[in-house]
Every structure is written in C-alpha cells, then in structure tokens.
C-alpha cells in the first residue's frame, strides 16, 4: 500500500475519533444544560447566595463544554480539509 493511502486511512481514523468525541461531548453538554437550567431557576426563585454560586458554576460548565465542542469541530474540519487535499492528489 502506498504511503498516501496509509496516510488517508490514518486521517479517516482520526476524523472518526473526533466525530465520536464531538458526539459524546454534545450529549454531556445537554446534561450540563439541564443542570444549569435548574440552577438558574433555583437562583432566580430563592435569591440565596449558595444558589447563585451554583448557578454561576453550572453556567461556566456549559460554556466550557461549548468551547470544547467548538475546538473538536475545528480540529475535525481541519483534518477533513487535509483529507480532501490528499484525495485531490491521488
């Protein structure tokens, strides 16, 4: 097998791994969004300092997961572009 073919297979494996990581992170984001929704509601209803602190933490978790998913998406797109360039050269 030629070197380009091996490289193409490796890129496809990396892309698949990133897609799976992106899918799992998106599922976990849904979980954190539900927690955040509950925490925001509790903080608004009670006004308690602990509830507000919890709401701030859950909002930070949601933002962190959104950034993580965006990084995974960007990395996957870069690899897909690299794979497309490689395919053009075959």
Protein backbone atom coordinates (compact mmCIF):
# COMPACT_ATOMS: atom_id res chain seq x y z
CA UNK A 1 0.00 0.00 0.00
CA UNK A 2 1.29 3.41 -0.90
CA UNK A 3 2.23 5.97 1.69
CA UNK A 4 -0.60 8.29 0.63
CA UNK A 5 -3.14 5.54 1.08
CA UNK A 6 -1.87 4.78 4.58
CA UNK A 7 -1.98 8.47 5.39
CA UNK A 8 -5.55 8.70 4.08
CA UNK A 9 -6.64 5.76 6.26
CA UNK A 10 -4.98 7.35 9.28
CA UNK A 11 -6.76 10.65 8.62
CA UNK A 12 -10.09 8.86 8.31
CA UNK A 13 -9.48 7.15 11.66
CA UNK A 14 -8.61 10.46 13.30
CA UNK A 15 -11.70 12.11 11.83
CA UNK A 16 -13.90 9.27 13.10
CA UNK A 17 -12.39 9.58 16.57
CA UNK A 18 -13.04 13.33 16.62
CA UNK A 19 -16.62 12.79 15.45
CA UNK A 20 -17.19 10.35 18.30
CA UNK A 21 -15.62 12.71 20.82
CA UNK A 22 -17.80 15.52 19.48
CA UNK A 23 -20.93 13.36 19.79
CA UNK A 24 -20.11 12.38 23.37
CA UNK A 25 -19.32 15.96 24.35
CA UNK A 26 -22.61 17.14 22.83
CA UNK A 27 -24.50 14.57 24.90
CA UNK A 28 -22.71 15.68 28.03
CA UNK A 29 -23.46 19.30 27.16
CA UNK A 30 -27.19 18.50 27.16
CA UNK A 31 -26.81 17.08 30.66
CA UNK A 32 -24.99 20.21 31.87
CA UNK A 33 -27.55 22.47 30.20
CA UNK A 34 -30.32 20.74 32.16
CA UNK A 35 -28.39 21.19 35.39
CA UNK A 36 -27.75 24.82 34.52
CA UNK A 37 -31.40 25.43 33.74
CA UNK A 38 -32.41 24.06 37.14
CA UNK A 39 -29.68 26.01 38.93
CA UNK A 40 -30.62 29.28 37.20
CA UNK A 41 -34.27 28.75 38.09
CA UNK A 42 -33.41 27.99 41.73
CA UNK A 43 -31.18 31.06 41.95
CA UNK A 44 -33.86 33.31 40.49
CA UNK A 45 -36.57 31.92 42.74
CA UNK A 46 -34.67 31.90 46.03
CA UNK A 47 -32.07 34.63 45.65
CA UNK A 48 -29.91 32.57 48.01
CA UNK A 49 -26.16 33.18 47.73
CA UNK A 50 -25.44 29.45 47.51
CA UNK A 51 -27.98 29.03 44.72
CA UNK A 52 -26.42 31.96 42.84
CA UNK A 53 -22.95 30.44 43.25
CA UNK A 54 -24.23 27.08 42.00
CA UNK A 55 -25.84 28.82 39.01
CA UNK A 56 -22.55 30.54 38.17
CA UNK A 57 -20.69 27.22 38.33
CA UNK A 58 -23.16 25.40 36.10
CA UNK A 59 -23.14 28.27 33.59
CA UNK A 60 -19.34 28.02 33.48
CA UNK A 61 -19.60 24.26 32.87
CA UNK A 62 -21.94 24.86 29.92
CA UNK A 63 -19.60 27.46 28.43
CA UNK A 64 -16.62 25.13 28.89
CA UNK A 65 -18.36 22.28 27.07
CA UNK A 66 -19.46 24.58 24.25
CA UNK A 67 -15.86 25.70 23.78
CA UNK A 68 -14.66 22.09 23.88
CA UNK A 69 -17.16 21.07 21.20
CA UNK A 70 -16.13 24.04 19.06
CA UNK A 71 -12.44 23.02 19.32
CA UNK A 72 -13.31 19.45 18.36
CA UNK A 73 -15.34 20.69 15.39
CA UNK A 74 -12.50 22.96 14.24
CA UNK A 75 -9.96 20.14 14.55
CA UNK A 76 -12.23 17.76 12.64
CA UNK A 77 -12.78 20.30 9.86
CA UNK A 78 -9.03 20.85 9.52
CA UNK A 79 -8.47 17.12 9.15
CA UNK A 80 -11.31 16.85 6.64
CA UNK A 81 -9.75 19.64 4.58
CA UNK A 82 -6.38 17.89 4.77
CA UNK A 83 -8.01 14.63 3.66
CA UNK A 84 -9.74 16.39 0.75
CA UNK A 85 -6.42 17.87 -0.40
CA UNK A 86 -4.84 14.44 -0.19
CA UNK A 87 -7.67 12.90 -2.20
CA UNK A 88 -7.22 15.53 -4.89
CA UNK A 89 -3.59 14.44 -5.28
CA UNK A 90 -4.44 10.76 -5.77
